[in-house]
């Protein structure tokens, strides 16, 4: 907490400076939420009336709550928003825009569905740890996958006549194994088996994680670039390590194919190096962009369809139910995209791994 105050240059006990920073923060949040005070009021008066008599420790807690949680904080929802509505009621005029009720998460824009908000806060000295909704859904994915595989294999291999769940696990296993065998060439079966568990975990985790965002009021973990970047960057580092383990310093020959004229070598090495390093971003960008764009589009069209359903006009079927059918079709398409992204990412990983293990022999293998 003290470290946060130092970041803003607020001395202990300086209530005026602390209140000034809170005022700027509240003004920013009000602009984001498109909230406008009546003409006779301003944000400074608004914050002074709400917080002007608070002690420094109380203001410090309010400041930390607003700083870390923003418009999802208890202070904003249960305090400032209610006070905002009271001012408008005193003016005998409705607010200029819709605001969230206390203790409710109100989705004001299609991008608000991607907001990461904390569930459990933990302060340890000057360090701030939090259990966020993103962590929650990643843990739920891990629990779901582990529970499914445990139930299917708890008796050492399942049933002789597989049920639906065992068939699903066997389908995933065969699918990933075929990808590894088809995309990675020049290796013995035993060496490929070393890569199979890691690729299988990546595919299974993506397969169960991506469609989670299609569940109403859930959260899409892979809609955040930092998460997908961490995944793709760790895979990139692992593939590079495999390449050096297999070829040593000869792995650098990957940047310069045989038979290249010497004058073109510096330019080609630079281009190949940029292309190779960009692989650390390509996996993450592709997954992040597809998830965020698709879910945003579904949210936008869903809001449009919901509005059209309440319009009474002569073209009821076309004007009202038409957008609803489009949203249903788009939802099915987005679900397919979420599942296919796991497939595309796995194929890309196998291709990159094949390049690292076989260097420039991959072209002859694929042909």
Protein backbone atom coordinates (compact mmCIF):
# COMPACT_ATOMS: atom_id res chain seq x y z
CA UNK A 1 0.00 0.00 0.00
CA UNK A 2 2.80 2.40 0.92
CA UNK A 3 4.58 1.50 -2.33
CA UNK A 4 1.47 2.49 -4.28
CA UNK A 5 1.39 5.89 -2.58
CA UNK A 6 5.08 6.41 -3.34
CA UNK A 7 4.40 5.69 -7.02
CA UNK A 8 1.97 8.63 -7.05
CA UNK A 9 4.23 10.84 -4.93
CA UNK A 10 1.75 11.01 -2.02
CA UNK A 11 3.31 11.61 1.38
CA UNK A 12 1.81 9.79 4.41
CA UNK A 13 -0.96 11.89 5.95
CA UNK A 14 -1.39 14.18 2.93
CA UNK A 15 -5.16 13.86 2.53
CA UNK A 16 -5.42 16.67 -0.02
CA UNK A 17 -3.00 15.02 -2.46
CA UNK A 18 -4.68 11.66 -1.98
CA UNK A 19 -8.16 13.12 -2.54
CA UNK A 20 -6.87 14.89 -5.66
CA UNK A 21 -5.63 11.59 -7.14
CA UNK A 22 -8.94 9.91 -6.31
CA UNK A 23 -10.77 12.77 -8.04
CA UNK A 24 -8.74 12.32 -11.22
CA UNK A 25 -9.37 8.57 -11.11
CA UNK A 26 -13.12 9.00 -10.61
CA UNK A 27 -13.27 11.54 -13.44
CA UNK A 28 -11.56 9.05 -15.75
CA UNK A 29 -13.96 6.26 -14.77
CA UNK A 30 -16.96 8.51 -15.30
CA UNK A 31 -15.75 9.35 -18.80
CA UNK A 32 -15.28 5.66 -19.58
CA UNK A 33 -18.80 4.89 -18.33
CA UNK A 34 -20.21 7.93 -20.17
CA UNK A 35 -21.61 9.40 -16.96
CA UNK A 36 -22.31 13.13 -16.88
CA UNK A 37 -23.07 15.16 -13.75
CA UNK A 38 -25.77 17.86 -13.85
CA UNK A 39 -24.50 21.24 -15.10
CA UNK A 40 -24.35 22.71 -11.59
CA UNK A 41 -21.95 20.05 -10.32
CA UNK A 42 -18.38 19.01 -11.06
CA UNK A 43 -16.24 15.99 -10.21
CA UNK A 44 -14.24 17.80 -7.52
CA UNK A 45 -17.41 18.72 -5.62
CA UNK A 46 -18.70 15.19 -6.22
CA UNK A 47 -15.65 13.56 -4.58
CA UNK A 48 -15.43 16.13 -1.79
CA UNK A 49 -19.03 15.48 -0.81
CA UNK A 50 -18.49 11.73 -0.83
CA UNK A 51 -14.97 11.50 0.66
CA UNK A 52 -14.07 14.94 2.01
CA UNK A 53 -14.49 14.01 5.69
CA UNK A 54 -12.69 10.65 5.51
CA UNK A 55 -9.42 10.08 7.35
CA UNK A 56 -6.17 9.36 5.55
CA UNK A 57 -6.27 5.55 6.18
CA UNK A 58 -9.84 5.43 4.86
CA UNK A 59 -8.91 7.46 1.78
CA UNK A 60 -5.89 5.22 1.26
CA UNK A 61 -8.10 2.09 1.23
CA UNK A 62 -10.53 3.78 -1.17
CA UNK A 63 -7.68 4.78 -3.46
CA UNK A 64 -6.25 1.23 -3.51
CA UNK A 65 -9.67 -0.27 -4.20
CA UNK A 66 -10.29 2.07 -7.12
CA UNK A 67 -6.75 1.69 -8.45
CA UNK A 68 -6.66 -2.11 -8.55
CA UNK A 69 -10.30 -2.91 -9.39
CA UNK A 70 -11.52 0.17 -11.26
CA UNK A 71 -15.21 0.20 -12.12
CA UNK A 72 -15.55 -3.35 -10.78
CA UNK A 73 -14.58 -2.20 -7.28
CA UNK A 74 -16.99 -2.13 -4.36
CA UNK A 75 -16.22 1.55 -3.79
CA UNK A 76 -17.34 2.47 -7.29
CA UNK A 77 -20.43 0.25 -7.53
CA UNK A 78 -21.76 0.64 -4.00
CA UNK A 79 -20.56 4.19 -3.40
CA UNK A 80 -19.98 6.53 -6.28
CA UNK A 81 -22.66 5.13 -8.58
CA UNK A 82 -25.35 5.29 -5.88
CA UNK A 83 -24.29 8.82 -4.96
CA UNK A 84 -24.40 9.74 -8.65
CA UNK A 85 -28.01 8.51 -8.90
CA UNK A 86 -28.96 10.40 -5.73
CA UNK A 87 -27.74 13.65 -7.28
CA UNK A 88 -29.84 13.10 -10.38
CA UNK A 89 -32.89 12.21 -8.28
CA UNK A 90 -32.38 15.42 -6.32
CA UNK A 91 -32.39 17.27 -9.64
CA UNK A 92 -35.67 15.48 -10.49
CA UNK A 93 -34.15 14.31 -13.77
CA UNK A 94 -33.01 10.87 -14.96
CA UNK A 95 -29.29 10.20 -15.35
CA UNK A 96 -27.72 10.81 -18.71
CA UNK A 97 -26.81 7.16 -19.19
CA UNK A 98 -27.35 3.72 -17.76
CA UNK A 99 -25.16 2.78 -14.83
CA UNK A 100 -24.63 -0.43 -12.97
CA UNK A 101 -26.51 -1.21 -9.81
CA UNK A 102 -24.54 -1.88 -6.66
CA UNK A 103 -22.56 -5.09 -6.57
CA UNK A 104 -23.42 -5.91 -10.21
CA UNK A 105 -21.16 -6.24 -13.23
CA UNK A 106 -22.77 -4.25 -16.04
CA UNK A 107 -21.50 -4.87 -19.57
CA UNK A 108 -21.51 -1.45 -21.19
CA UNK A 109 -19.48 -2.27 -24.30
CA UNK A 110 -18.69 -5.52 -26.14
CA UNK A 111 -15.11 -5.32 -24.84
CA UNK A 112 -16.23 -5.29 -21.19
CA UNK A 113 -16.70 -9.06 -21.37
CA UNK A 114 -12.89 -9.35 -21.49
CA UNK A 115 -12.25 -7.36 -18.30
CA UNK A 116 -10.12 -9.26 -15.77
CA UNK A 117 -11.38 -8.49 -12.28
CA UNK A 118 -10.11 -9.92 -8.98
CA UNK A 119 -12.00 -12.48 -6.93
CA UNK A 120 -9.71 -12.83 -3.92
CA UNK A 121 -7.26 -10.10 -2.87
CA UNK A 122 -4.15 -10.77 -0.83
CA UNK A 123 -1.75 -8.14 0.49
CA UNK A 124 1.65 -9.35 1.70
CA UNK A 125 3.71 -6.37 2.83
CA UNK A 126 4.23 -4.14 -0.19
CA UNK A 127 3.23 -6.90 -2.60
CA UNK A 128 -0.26 -7.32 -3.99
CA UNK A 129 -1.48 -10.72 -5.11
CA UNK A 130 -4.91 -11.46 -6.49
CA UNK A 131 -6.88 -14.48 -7.63
CA UNK A 132 -8.56 -13.25 -10.81
CA UNK A 133 -11.36 -14.60 -12.95
CA UNK A 134 -8.78 -15.52 -15.58
CA UNK A 135 -6.95 -17.76 -13.12
CA UNK A 136 -10.26 -19.27 -12.05
CA UNK A 137 -11.21 -20.38 -15.55
CA UNK A 138 -7.75 -21.74 -16.29
CA UNK A 139 -7.97 -23.82 -13.12
CA UNK A 140 -11.45 -24.98 -14.12
CA UNK A 141 -10.06 -26.12 -17.46
CA UNK A 142 -7.25 -28.07 -15.80
CA UNK A 143 -9.68 -29.67 -13.33
CA UNK A 144 -12.09 -30.60 -16.14
CA UNK A 145 -9.39 -32.20 -18.30
CA UNK A 146 -7.75 -34.07 -15.43
CA UNK A 147 -11.12 -35.27 -14.11
CA UNK A 148 -12.18 -36.50 -17.57
CA UNK A 149 -8.98 -38.46 -18.16
CA UNK A 150 -9.02 -39.80 -14.60
CA UNK A 151 -12.57 -41.09 -14.89
CA UNK A 152 -11.87 -42.76 -18.24
CA UNK A 153 -8.55 -44.37 -17.23
CA UNK A 154 -9.10 -44.99 -13.50
CA UNK A 155 -9.31 -48.77 -14.03
CA UNK A 156 -6.26 -48.96 -16.24
CA UNK A 157 -7.59 -48.40 -19.71
CA UNK A 158 -11.32 -48.00 -19.67
CA UNK A 159 -13.99 -50.40 -20.83
CA UNK A 160 -13.79 -52.89 -23.69
CA UNK A 161 -16.96 -51.32 -25.08
CA UNK A 162 -16.22 -47.59 -24.78
CA UNK A 163 -18.85 -45.15 -23.62
CA UNK A 164 -19.17 -41.60 -24.93
CA UNK A 165 -16.49 -40.14 -22.63
CA UNK A 166 -13.99 -42.90 -23.34
CA UNK A 167 -14.61 -42.48 -27.07
CA UNK A 168 -13.91 -38.75 -26.72
CA UNK A 169 -10.58 -39.37 -24.96
CA UNK A 170 -9.57 -42.02 -27.51
CA UNK A 171 -10.51 -39.65 -30.34
CA UNK A 172 -8.33 -36.90 -28.89
CA UNK A 173 -5.45 -39.32 -28.39
CA UNK A 174 -5.59 -40.72 -31.94
CA UNK A 175 -6.04 -37.25 -33.43
CA UNK A 176 -2.94 -35.80 -31.76
CA UNK A 177 -0.88 -38.93 -32.41
CA UNK A 178 -1.70 -38.79 -36.12
CA UNK A 179 -0.71 -35.10 -36.21
CA UNK A 180 2.65 -35.87 -34.63
CA UNK A 181 3.33 -38.79 -36.98
CA UNK A 182 2.27 -36.88 -40.10
CA UNK A 183 3.85 -33.48 -39.41
CA UNK A 184 7.15 -34.48 -37.77
CA UNK A 185 9.38 -36.47 -40.09
CA UNK A 186 12.85 -37.96 -39.96
CA UNK A 187 12.52 -39.23 -36.38
CA UNK A 188 12.05 -42.67 -34.93
CA UNK A 189 8.82 -43.59 -33.19
CA UNK A 190 10.46 -43.47 -29.76
CA UNK A 191 11.71 -39.92 -30.30
CA UNK A 192 8.28 -38.80 -31.49
CA UNK A 193 6.73 -40.29 -28.37
CA UNK A 194 8.81 -37.88 -26.31
CA UNK A 195 7.07 -34.96 -28.02
CA UNK A 196 3.60 -36.48 -28.00
CA UNK A 197 2.68 -35.84 -24.30
CA UNK A 198 3.61 -32.16 -24.50
CA UNK A 199 1.74 -31.59 -27.76
CA UNK A 200 -1.23 -33.58 -26.47
CA UNK A 201 -1.46 -31.45 -23.31
CA UNK A 202 -1.31 -28.24 -25.35
CA UNK A 203 -4.03 -29.42 -27.74
CA UNK A 204 -6.32 -30.76 -25.01
CA UNK A 205 -5.98 -27.65 -22.88
CA UNK A 206 -6.78 -25.41 -25.88
CA UNK A 207 -9.66 -27.66 -26.96
CA UNK A 208 -11.38 -27.37 -23.58
CA UNK A 209 -10.37 -23.79 -22.87
CA UNK A 210 -11.38 -21.95 -26.06
CA UNK A 211 -15.10 -22.90 -26.15
CA UNK A 212 -15.57 -21.90 -22.50
CA UNK A 213 -16.15 -18.33 -23.57
CA UNK A 214 -19.28 -19.40 -25.46
CA UNK A 215 -21.03 -20.22 -22.19
CA UNK A 216 -23.19 -17.24 -21.10
CA UNK A 217 -21.61 -15.10 -18.35
CA UNK A 218 -18.35 -17.04 -18.57
CA UNK A 219 -14.88 -15.74 -19.37
CA UNK A 220 -12.65 -16.28 -22.40
CA UNK A 221 -9.11 -16.80 -21.14
CA UNK A 222 -7.54 -16.85 -24.61
CA UNK A 223 -9.00 -13.44 -25.48
CA UNK A 224 -6.05 -11.81 -23.69
CA UNK A 225 -2.85 -11.39 -25.64
CA UNK A 226 -0.56 -11.66 -22.61
CA UNK A 227 -1.91 -15.14 -21.87
CA UNK A 228 -1.65 -16.40 -25.45
CA UNK A 229 1.75 -14.70 -25.80
CA UNK A 230 3.04 -16.49 -22.69
CA UNK A 231 1.86 -19.79 -24.16
CA UNK A 232 3.36 -19.21 -27.62
CA UNK A 233 6.61 -17.77 -26.24
CA UNK A 234 7.15 -20.76 -23.93
CA UNK A 235 6.51 -23.14 -26.85
CA UNK A 236 8.97 -21.16 -29.00
CA UNK A 237 11.67 -21.42 -26.33
CA UNK A 238 11.04 -25.15 -25.93
CA UNK A 239 11.29 -25.79 -29.69
CA UNK A 240 14.51 -23.77 -29.89
CA UNK A 241 16.01 -25.80 -27.03
CA UNK A 242 15.06 -29.02 -28.84
CA UNK A 243 16.78 -27.75 -31.97
CA UNK A 244 20.02 -26.99 -30.12
CA UNK A 245 19.92 -30.31 -28.27
CA UNK A 246 19.57 -32.22 -31.52
CA UNK A 247 21.98 -30.24 -33.75
CA UNK A 248 24.13 -28.13 -31.45
CA UNK A 249 25.55 -25.01 -33.11
CA UNK A 250 24.69 -26.54 -36.48
CA UNK A 251 21.13 -25.45 -35.69
CA UNK A 252 22.11 -21.98 -36.93
CA UNK A 253 22.30 -23.43 -40.45
CA UNK A 254 18.52 -23.24 -40.36
CA UNK A 255 18.95 -19.53 -41.12
CA UNK A 256 20.91 -20.16 -44.33
CA UNK A 257 19.73 -22.88 -46.75
CA UNK A 258 22.34 -24.64 -48.84
CA UNK A 259 23.12 -23.22 -52.27
CA UNK A 260 22.35 -19.58 -51.46
CA UNK A 261 24.66 -17.10 -53.29
CA UNK A 262 27.11 -15.46 -50.91
CA UNK A 263 26.02 -11.84 -51.65
CA UNK A 264 22.45 -12.71 -50.66
CA UNK A 265 23.46 -14.54 -47.48
CA UNK A 266 23.37 -11.54 -45.04
CA UNK A 267 19.93 -10.47 -46.23
CA UNK A 268 18.53 -13.98 -46.19
CA UNK A 269 19.92 -14.68 -42.71
CA UNK A 270 18.27 -11.51 -41.42
CA UNK A 271 14.93 -12.38 -43.04
CA UNK A 272 15.05 -15.97 -41.76
CA UNK A 273 15.95 -14.77 -38.26
CA UNK A 274 13.02 -12.33 -38.20
CA UNK A 275 10.71 -15.00 -39.58
CA UNK A 276 11.86 -17.52 -36.99
CA UNK A 277 11.56 -15.11 -34.05
CA UNK A 278 8.12 -13.99 -35.20
CA UNK A 279 6.91 -17.53 -34.53
CA UNK A 280 6.96 -16.60 -30.85
CA UNK A 281 4.22 -14.06 -31.65
CA UNK A 282 2.29 -15.70 -34.46
CA UNK A 283 0.71 -18.45 -32.37
CA UNK A 284 -0.41 -16.02 -29.69
CA UNK A 285 -1.64 -13.32 -32.06
CA UNK A 286 -3.67 -15.76 -34.16
CA UNK A 287 -5.45 -17.27 -31.15
CA UNK A 288 -5.98 -13.95 -29.37
CA UNK A 289 -7.31 -12.17 -32.47
CA UNK A 290 -9.75 -14.92 -33.39
CA UNK A 291 -11.15 -15.22 -29.88
CA UNK A 292 -11.53 -11.51 -29.20
CA UNK A 293 -12.90 -10.59 -32.63
CA UNK A 294 -15.36 -13.47 -32.74
CA UNK A 295 -16.72 -12.97 -29.23
CA UNK A 296 -17.00 -9.22 -29.76
CA UNK A 297 -18.98 -9.74 -32.95
CA UNK A 298 -21.34 -12.17 -31.21
CA UNK A 299 -21.85 -9.66 -28.40
CA UNK A 300 -22.55 -6.78 -30.81
CA UNK A 301 -25.05 -8.74 -32.90
CA UNK A 302 -26.68 -10.19 -29.78
CA UNK A 303 -27.32 -6.69 -28.47
CA UNK A 304 -28.71 -5.68 -31.86
CA UNK A 305 -30.99 -8.73 -31.98
CA UNK A 306 -32.19 -8.08 -28.42
CA UNK A 307 -33.11 -4.52 -29.36
CA UNK A 308 -34.90 -5.61 -32.54
CA UNK A 309 -36.99 -8.17 -30.63
CA UNK A 310 -38.67 -5.34 -28.73
CA UNK A 311 -39.60 -3.40 -31.84
CA UNK A 312 -43.19 -3.78 -32.97
CA UNK A 313 -43.34 -3.35 -36.71
CA UNK A 314 -45.01 -4.87 -39.71
CA UNK A 315 -41.87 -6.77 -40.71
CA UNK A 316 -41.77 -8.78 -37.47
CA UNK A 317 -40.09 -11.89 -38.83
CA UNK A 318 -37.48 -10.06 -40.90
CA UNK A 319 -36.88 -7.13 -38.57
CA UNK A 320 -37.09 -8.93 -35.24
CA UNK A 321 -36.50 -12.68 -35.49
CA UNK A 322 -34.11 -12.38 -38.45
CA UNK A 323 -31.19 -10.97 -36.42
CA UNK A 324 -31.85 -13.59 -33.73
CA UNK A 325 -31.42 -16.43 -36.25
CA UNK A 326 -28.26 -14.76 -37.54
CA UNK A 327 -26.87 -14.61 -34.00
CA UNK A 328 -27.64 -18.30 -33.45
CA UNK A 329 -25.88 -19.21 -36.69
CA UNK A 330 -22.92 -16.97 -35.82
CA UNK A 331 -22.70 -18.55 -32.37
CA UNK A 332 -22.36 -21.98 -33.97
CA UNK A 333 -19.70 -20.62 -36.32
CA UNK A 334 -17.78 -19.05 -33.42
CA UNK A 335 -17.92 -22.34 -31.53
CA UNK A 336 -16.41 -24.05 -34.57
CA UNK A 337 -13.69 -21.40 -34.76
CA UNK A 338 -12.89 -21.88 -31.07
CA UNK A 339 -12.46 -25.62 -31.58
CA UNK A 340 -10.57 -25.29 -34.86
CA UNK A 341 -8.06 -22.90 -33.27
CA UNK A 342 -6.85 -25.75 -31.07
CA UNK A 343 -6.28 -27.80 -34.23
CA UNK A 344 -4.53 -24.97 -36.09
CA UNK A 345 -2.26 -24.19 -33.12
CA UNK A 346 -1.28 -27.84 -32.75
CA UNK A 347 -0.46 -28.21 -36.45
CA UNK A 348 1.68 -25.05 -36.26
CA UNK A 349 3.56 -26.42 -33.24
CA UNK A 350 4.23 -29.70 -35.05
CA UNK A 351 5.46 -27.87 -38.17
CA UNK A 352 7.77 -25.65 -36.11
CA UNK A 353 9.06 -28.70 -34.26
CA UNK A 354 9.66 -30.50 -37.55
CA UNK A 355 11.66 -27.51 -38.82
CA UNK A 356 13.78 -27.50 -35.65
CA UNK A 357 14.53 -31.23 -35.76
CA UNK A 358 15.02 -31.67 -39.51
CA UNK A 359 16.25 -28.19 -40.47
CA UNK A 360 15.96 -27.81 -44.27
CA UNK A 361 15.02 -31.44 -44.85
CA UNK A 362 11.37 -30.65 -44.06
CA UNK A 363 10.55 -29.78 -47.66
CA UNK A 364 11.60 -33.20 -48.97
CA UNK A 365 9.63 -34.84 -46.18
CA UNK A 366 6.39 -33.04 -46.91
CA UNK A 367 6.75 -33.68 -50.63
